[in-house]
Amino acid sequence: MTTSSEEFTTVIGPDATFKGELTFESSAKLLGKIDGTITAKGRLEVAAGSECKATISAKEVIVQGHIQGNVEDEDLVELKPKGMITGDIIAARMSMAEGAAIDGHCRIGVSGKSTAPKSMAEVKPLVETVKAK
């Protein structure tokens, strides 16, 4: 997925530092340092070099920088090659490029639940048999 700055209604520059609660009615691109909570009804991009110590809730999150906090996403979490999330992720879908990193738990699927059908097969533990002599 390719993104350009024209797609974002709000851009927070690399020289910005923000502490508190950010809310976006549509899309936003973060280039600076954010500490708090972020809510976006559209796409949220955490650009390369950006650092977010935040709990994030958005429709779609693209990560090129570093997020330290939990991410809850309605649709897609996309981790680019140098993107990193230190925290738990709940999303309907996720894409992760080689070189990206996650340190936390992931629940991917509708509302974080797997969309795959449950298997009817019973899984039994492997038991080693011992032959009597």
C-alpha atoms as a PDB file:
ATOM      1  CA  MET A   1       0.000   0.000   0.000  1.00  0.00           C
ATOM      2  CA  THR A   2       1.492   3.298  -1.079  1.00  0.00           C
ATOM      3  CA  THR A   3       0.663   6.485   0.777  1.00  0.00           C
ATOM      4  CA  SER A   4       1.345  10.099  -0.056  1.00  0.00           C
ATOM      5  CA  SER A   5       0.917  13.234   2.045  1.00  0.00           C
ATOM      6  CA  GLU A   6      -2.050  14.282  -0.153  1.00  0.00           C
ATOM      7  CA  GLU A   7      -4.050  11.396   1.337  1.00  0.00           C
ATOM      8  CA  PHE A   8      -3.812  12.810   4.874  1.00  0.00           C
ATOM      9  CA  THR A   9      -6.047  15.614   6.132  1.00  0.00           C
ATOM     10  CA  THR A  10      -3.744  16.182   9.136  1.00  0.00           C
ATOM     11  CA  VAL A  11       0.051  16.006   9.312  1.00  0.00           C
ATOM     12  CA  ILE A  12       1.934  16.477  12.585  1.00  0.00           C
ATOM     13  CA  GLY A  13       5.490  17.516  11.698  1.00  0.00           C
ATOM     14  CA  PRO A  14       8.783  15.980  12.807  1.00  0.00           C
ATOM     15  CA  ASP A  15       9.578  18.913  15.113  1.00  0.00           C
ATOM     16  CA  ALA A  16       6.293  18.493  17.054  1.00  0.00           C
ATOM     17  CA  THR A  17       6.004  16.933  20.498  1.00  0.00           C
ATOM     18  CA  PHE A  18       2.502  16.280  21.814  1.00  0.00           C
ATOM     19  CA  LYS A  19       1.301  14.982  25.183  1.00  0.00           C
ATOM     20  CA  GLY A  20      -2.377  14.172  25.718  1.00  0.00           C
ATOM     21  CA  GLU A  21      -5.348  12.949  23.702  1.00  0.00           C
ATOM     22  CA  LEU A  22      -5.420  13.267  19.899  1.00  0.00           C
ATOM     23  CA  THR A  23      -8.620  12.642  17.922  1.00  0.00           C
ATOM     24  CA  PHE A  24      -8.857  12.661  14.124  1.00  0.00           C
ATOM     25  CA  GLU A  25     -12.133  12.600  12.199  1.00  0.00           C
ATOM     26  CA  SER A  26     -10.369  11.208   9.120  1.00  0.00           C
ATOM     27  CA  SER A  27      -6.732  10.450   8.213  1.00  0.00           C
ATOM     28  CA  ALA A  28      -3.515  11.632   9.861  1.00  0.00           C
ATOM     29  CA  LYS A  29       0.230  11.256   9.417  1.00  0.00           C
ATOM     30  CA  LEU A  30       2.456  11.514  12.490  1.00  0.00           C
ATOM     31  CA  LEU A  31       6.076  12.543  12.050  1.00  0.00           C
ATOM     32  CA  GLY A  32       6.837  13.779  15.586  1.00  0.00           C
ATOM     33  CA  LYS A  33       6.727  12.421  19.133  1.00  0.00           C
ATOM     34  CA  ILE A  34       3.340  11.629  20.685  1.00  0.00           C
ATOM     35  CA  ASP A  35       2.603  10.599  24.291  1.00  0.00           C
ATOM     36  CA  GLY A  36      -0.996   9.767  25.252  1.00  0.00           C
ATOM     37  CA  THR A  37      -3.957   8.352  23.334  1.00  0.00           C
ATOM     38  CA  ILE A  38      -4.736   8.549  19.627  1.00  0.00           C
ATOM     39  CA  THR A  39      -8.140   7.918  18.049  1.00  0.00           C
ATOM     40  CA  ALA A  40      -8.658   8.121  14.281  1.00  0.00           C
ATOM     41  CA  LYS A  41     -11.779   7.322  12.273  1.00  0.00           C
ATOM     42  CA  GLY A  42      -9.623   6.864   9.157  1.00  0.00           C
ATOM     43  CA  ARG A  43      -6.041   5.921   8.305  1.00  0.00           C
ATOM     44  CA  LEU A  44      -3.271   6.723  10.782  1.00  0.00           C
ATOM     45  CA  GLU A  45       0.343   6.583   9.642  1.00  0.00           C
ATOM     46  CA  VAL A  46       3.197   6.574  12.137  1.00  0.00           C
ATOM     47  CA  ALA A  47       6.007   7.687   9.832  1.00  0.00           C
ATOM     48  CA  ALA A  48       9.660   6.655   9.943  1.00  0.00           C
ATOM     49  CA  GLY A  49      11.443   8.410  12.812  1.00  0.00           C
ATOM     50  CA  SER A  50       8.182   9.024  14.677  1.00  0.00           C
ATOM     51  CA  GLU A  51       7.773   7.753  18.238  1.00  0.00           C
ATOM     52  CA  CYS A  52       4.360   7.156  19.786  1.00  0.00           C
ATOM     53  CA  LYS A  53       3.988   6.197  23.431  1.00  0.00           C
ATOM     54  CA  ALA A  54       0.259   5.860  23.010  1.00  0.00           C
ATOM     55  CA  THR A  55      -2.790   3.670  23.041  1.00  0.00           C
ATOM     56  CA  ILE A  56      -4.088   3.782  19.469  1.00  0.00           C
ATOM     57  CA  SER A  57      -7.557   3.126  18.112  1.00  0.00           C
ATOM     58  CA  ALA A  58      -8.078   3.615  14.368  1.00  0.00           C
ATOM     59  CA  LYS A  59      -9.669   2.202  11.251  1.00  0.00           C
ATOM     60  CA  GLU A  60      -6.271   1.509   9.666  1.00  0.00           C
ATOM     61  CA  VAL A  61      -2.734   1.911  11.066  1.00  0.00           C
ATOM     62  CA  ILE A  62       0.440   2.028   8.978  1.00  0.00           C
ATOM     63  CA  VAL A  63       3.638   1.767  11.022  1.00  0.00           C
ATOM     64  CA  GLN A  64       7.032   2.893   9.756  1.00  0.00           C
ATOM     65  CA  GLY A  65       8.202   4.314  13.098  1.00  0.00           C
ATOM     66  CA  HIS A  66       7.837   3.007  16.667  1.00  0.00           C
ATOM     67  CA  ILE A  67       4.649   2.576  18.677  1.00  0.00           C
ATOM     68  CA  GLN A  68       4.952   1.784  22.367  1.00  0.00           C
ATOM     69  CA  GLY A  69       1.424   0.923  23.433  1.00  0.00           C
ATOM     70  CA  ASN A  70      -1.577  -1.142  22.428  1.00  0.00           C
ATOM     71  CA  VAL A  71      -3.142  -0.853  18.975  1.00  0.00           C
ATOM     72  CA  GLU A  72      -6.817  -1.621  18.335  1.00  0.00           C
ATOM     73  CA  ASP A  73      -7.713  -1.440  14.684  1.00  0.00           C
ATOM     74  CA  GLU A  74     -11.022  -1.900  12.836  1.00  0.00           C
ATOM     75  CA  ASP A  75      -9.437  -3.037   9.586  1.00  0.00           C
ATOM     76  CA  LEU A  76      -5.703  -3.298   8.826  1.00  0.00           C
ATOM     77  CA  VAL A  77      -2.447  -2.925  10.740  1.00  0.00           C
ATOM     78  CA  GLU A  78       0.404  -2.652   8.239  1.00  0.00           C
ATOM     79  CA  LEU A  79       3.972  -2.849   9.522  1.00  0.00           C
ATOM     80  CA  LYS A  80       6.537  -1.535   7.055  1.00  0.00           C
ATOM     81  CA  PRO A  81      10.182  -2.828   7.032  1.00  0.00           C
ATOM     82  CA  LYS A  82      11.424  -0.694   9.973  1.00  0.00           C
ATOM     83  CA  GLY A  83       8.085  -0.417  11.791  1.00  0.00           C
ATOM     84  CA  MET A  84       7.888  -1.618  15.389  1.00  0.00           C
ATOM     85  CA  ILE A  85       5.059  -2.098  17.866  1.00  0.00           C
ATOM     86  CA  THR A  86       5.823  -2.763  21.521  1.00  0.00           C
ATOM     87  CA  GLY A  87       2.381  -3.679  22.799  1.00  0.00           C
ATOM     88  CA  ASP A  88      -0.652  -5.783  21.983  1.00  0.00           C
ATOM     89  CA  ILE A  89      -2.468  -5.646  18.637  1.00  0.00           C
ATOM     90  CA  ILE A  90      -6.137  -6.342  17.910  1.00  0.00           C
ATOM     91  CA  ALA A  91      -7.113  -6.031  14.249  1.00  0.00           C
ATOM     92  CA  ALA A  92      -9.240  -7.582  11.537  1.00  0.00           C
ATOM     93  CA  ARG A  93      -6.194  -7.946   9.244  1.00  0.00           C
ATOM     94  CA  MET A  94      -2.444  -7.496   9.490  1.00  0.00           C
ATOM     95  CA  SER A  95       0.430  -7.166   7.027  1.00  0.00           C
ATOM     96  CA  MET A  96       4.022  -7.353   8.233  1.00  0.00           C
ATOM     97  CA  ALA A  97       7.083  -6.703   6.059  1.00  0.00           C
ATOM     98  CA  GLU A  98      10.444  -8.340   6.560  1.00  0.00           C
ATOM     99  CA  GLY A  99      12.433  -6.275   9.067  1.00  0.00           C
ATOM    100  CA  ALA A 100       9.367  -5.139  11.039  1.00  0.00           C
ATOM    101  CA  ALA A 101       9.019  -6.137  14.693  1.00  0.00           C
ATOM    102  CA  ILE A 102       6.309  -6.796  17.276  1.00  0.00           C
ATOM    103  CA  ASP A 103       6.886  -7.289  20.999  1.00  0.00           C
ATOM    104  CA  GLY A 104       3.436  -8.211  22.280  1.00  0.00           C
ATOM    105  CA  HIS A 105       0.381 -10.338  21.598  1.00  0.00           C
ATOM    106  CA  CYS A 106      -1.660 -10.262  18.387  1.00  0.00           C
ATOM    107  CA  ARG A 107      -5.337 -11.102  17.886  1.00  0.00           C
ATOM    108  CA  ILE A 108      -6.072 -10.918  14.182  1.00  0.00           C
ATOM    109  CA  GLY A 109      -9.494 -11.548  12.643  1.00  0.00           C
ATOM    110  CA  VAL A 110     -12.942 -10.037  13.061  1.00  0.00           C
ATOM    111  CA  SER A 111     -12.833  -8.203  16.396  1.00  0.00           C
ATOM    112  CA  GLY A 112      -9.539  -9.947  17.051  1.00  0.00           C
ATOM    113  CA  LYS A 113     -11.164 -13.369  16.645  1.00  0.00           C
ATOM    114  CA  SER A 114      -9.991 -15.814  14.029  1.00  0.00           C
ATOM    115  CA  THR A 115     -12.177 -15.986  10.927  1.00  0.00           C
ATOM    116  CA  ALA A 116     -10.927 -19.476  10.075  1.00  0.00           C
ATOM    117  CA  PRO A 117     -13.451 -22.278  10.641  1.00  0.00           C
ATOM    118  CA  LYS A 118     -12.841 -24.440  13.671  1.00  0.00           C
ATOM    119  CA  SER A 119     -11.340 -27.793  12.867  1.00  0.00           C
ATOM    120  CA  MET A 120     -13.359 -30.860  13.740  1.00  0.00           C
ATOM    121  CA  ALA A 121     -10.207 -32.976  14.083  1.00  0.00           C
ATOM    122  CA  GLU A 122      -9.131 -33.895  17.555  1.00  0.00           C
ATOM    123  CA  VAL A 123      -5.495 -33.229  18.350  1.00  0.00           C
ATOM    124  CA  LYS A 124      -3.955 -35.726  20.722  1.00  0.00           C
ATOM    125  CA  PRO A 125      -0.617 -35.277  22.462  1.00  0.00           C
ATOM    126  CA  LEU A 126       2.288 -37.358  21.237  1.00  0.00           C
ATOM    127  CA  VAL A 127       2.879 -40.227  23.643  1.00  0.00           C
ATOM    128  CA  GLU A 128       6.101 -42.148  23.529  1.00  0.00           C
ATOM    129  CA  THR A 129       5.544 -45.871  23.866  1.00  0.00           C
ATOM    130  CA  VAL A 130       7.900 -47.889  26.023  1.00  0.00           C
ATOM    131  CA  LYS A 131       8.416 -51.525  25.085  1.00  0.00           C
ATOM    132  CA  ALA A 132       8.623 -53.993  27.963  1.00  0.00           C
ATOM    133  CA  LYS A 133      11.628 -56.338  27.885  1.00  0.00           C
END
